C-alpha atoms as a PDB file:
ATOM      1  CA  UNK A   1    -128.265 -16.225  -4.190  1.00  0.00           C
ATOM      2  CA  UNK A   2    -128.832 -18.659  -7.070  1.00  0.00           C
ATOM      3  CA  UNK A   3    -128.977 -17.215 -10.565  1.00  0.00           C
ATOM      4  CA  UNK A   4    -132.334 -16.948 -12.381  1.00  0.00           C
ATOM      5  CA  UNK A   5    -132.184 -19.549 -15.180  1.00  0.00           C
ATOM      6  CA  UNK A   6    -133.708 -18.938 -18.592  1.00  0.00           C
ATOM      7  CA  UNK A   7    -134.407 -21.103 -21.615  1.00  0.00           C
ATOM      8  CA  UNK A   8    -134.690 -19.255 -24.918  1.00  0.00           C
ATOM      9  CA  UNK A   9    -137.193 -20.674 -27.428  1.00  0.00           C
ATOM     10  CA  UNK A  10    -136.117 -19.745 -30.948  1.00  0.00           C
ATOM     11  CA  UNK A  11    -132.669 -19.509 -32.513  1.00  0.00           C
ATOM     12  CA  UNK A  12    -133.120 -16.614 -34.932  1.00  0.00           C
ATOM     13  CA  UNK A  13    -131.345 -13.284 -34.823  1.00  0.00           C
ATOM     14  CA  UNK A  14    -133.339 -11.895 -31.880  1.00  0.00           C
ATOM     15  CA  UNK A  15    -132.285 -14.850 -29.701  1.00  0.00           C
ATOM     16  CA  UNK A  16    -128.714 -13.519 -29.830  1.00  0.00           C
ATOM     17  CA  UNK A  17    -129.963 -10.203 -28.450  1.00  0.00           C
ATOM     18  CA  UNK A  18    -131.636 -11.939 -25.525  1.00  0.00           C
ATOM     19  CA  UNK A  19    -128.610 -14.172 -24.932  1.00  0.00           C
ATOM     20  CA  UNK A  20    -126.302 -11.179 -24.842  1.00  0.00           C
ATOM     21  CA  UNK A  21    -128.693  -9.264 -22.511  1.00  0.00           C
ATOM     22  CA  UNK A  22    -129.037 -12.097 -20.002  1.00  0.00           C
ATOM     23  CA  UNK A  23    -125.264 -12.656 -20.124  1.00  0.00           C
ATOM     24  CA  UNK A  24    -124.781  -9.088 -18.862  1.00  0.00           C
ATOM     25  CA  UNK A  25    -126.737  -9.833 -15.699  1.00  0.00           C
ATOM     26  CA  UNK A  26    -124.760 -11.345 -12.835  1.00  0.00           C
ATOM     27  CA  UNK A  27    -127.906 -12.846 -11.278  1.00  0.00           C
ATOM     28  CA  UNK A  28    -129.131 -14.571 -14.466  1.00  0.00           C
ATOM     29  CA  UNK A  29    -128.032 -17.192 -16.970  1.00  0.00           C
ATOM     30  CA  UNK A  30    -129.276 -18.971 -20.063  1.00  0.00           C
ATOM     31  CA  UNK A  31    -129.246 -22.725 -19.521  1.00  0.00           C
ATOM     32  CA  UNK A  32    -130.906 -23.863 -22.751  1.00  0.00           C
ATOM     33  CA  UNK A  33    -131.978 -22.939 -26.226  1.00  0.00           C
ATOM     34  CA  UNK A  34    -134.818 -24.576 -28.180  1.00  0.00           C
ATOM     35  CA  UNK A  35    -134.321 -24.774 -31.947  1.00  0.00           C
ATOM     36  CA  UNK A  36    -136.649 -26.585 -34.366  1.00  0.00           C
ATOM     37  CA  UNK A  37    -133.594 -27.841 -36.234  1.00  0.00           C
ATOM     38  CA  UNK A  38    -131.794 -28.854 -33.053  1.00  0.00           C
ATOM     39  CA  UNK A  39    -128.583 -27.198 -34.293  1.00  0.00           C
ATOM     40  CA  UNK A  40    -126.249 -25.102 -32.243  1.00  0.00           C
ATOM     41  CA  UNK A  41    -126.183 -21.515 -33.581  1.00  0.00           C
ATOM     42  CA  UNK A  42    -122.710 -20.093 -34.281  1.00  0.00           C
ATOM     43  CA  UNK A  43    -121.236 -18.456 -31.209  1.00  0.00           C
ATOM     44  CA  UNK A  44    -123.544 -20.088 -28.694  1.00  0.00           C
ATOM     45  CA  UNK A  45    -121.579 -20.830 -25.519  1.00  0.00           C
ATOM     46  CA  UNK A  46    -120.971 -24.508 -24.908  1.00  0.00           C
ATOM     47  CA  UNK A  47    -122.541 -24.122 -21.445  1.00  0.00           C
ATOM     48  CA  UNK A  48    -125.935 -23.641 -23.149  1.00  0.00           C
ATOM     49  CA  UNK A  49    -127.600 -26.886 -24.203  1.00  0.00           C
ATOM     50  CA  UNK A  50    -129.651 -27.082 -27.397  1.00  0.00           C
ATOM     51  CA  UNK A  51    -132.978 -28.907 -27.628  1.00  0.00           C
ATOM     52  CA  UNK A  52    -135.561 -29.550 -30.355  1.00  0.00           C
ATOM     53  CA  UNK A  53    -138.570 -28.963 -28.101  1.00  0.00           C
ATOM     54  CA  UNK A  54    -139.268 -27.310 -24.759  1.00  0.00           C
ATOM     55  CA  UNK A  55    -140.488 -30.635 -23.349  1.00  0.00           C
ATOM     56  CA  UNK A  56    -136.973 -32.067 -23.943  1.00  0.00           C
ATOM     57  CA  UNK A  57    -135.243 -29.576 -21.667  1.00  0.00           C
ATOM     58  CA  UNK A  58    -133.659 -31.640 -18.917  1.00  0.00           C
ATOM     59  CA  UNK A  59    -132.059 -28.886 -16.799  1.00  0.00           C
ATOM     60  CA  UNK A  60    -133.885 -26.825 -14.168  1.00  0.00           C
ATOM     61  CA  UNK A  61    -135.044 -23.417 -15.336  1.00  0.00           C
ATOM     62  CA  UNK A  62    -137.155 -20.590 -13.971  1.00  0.00           C
ATOM     63  CA  UNK A  63    -138.506 -18.867 -17.043  1.00  0.00           C
ATOM     64  CA  UNK A  64    -138.802 -19.059 -20.845  1.00  0.00           C
ATOM     65  CA  UNK A  65    -138.001 -16.304 -23.323  1.00  0.00           C
ATOM     66  CA  UNK A  66    -139.904 -16.580 -26.582  1.00  0.00           C
ATOM     67  CA  UNK A  67    -137.659 -15.189 -29.306  1.00  0.00           C
END
């Protein structure tokens, strides 16, 4: 079974909570994070790409989490 792929929109404190929660699920993964500044937040795994806008996400995903 393929994992359910999420993109998180927002890079504030609550995004870390969502990232940690999804990371605890074997059948889900975060594949991208949208940040207005386009900066990688500290501690974000290198496997998660960072984008400035949702329209720029170039990896397949199944759902968006608004954080």
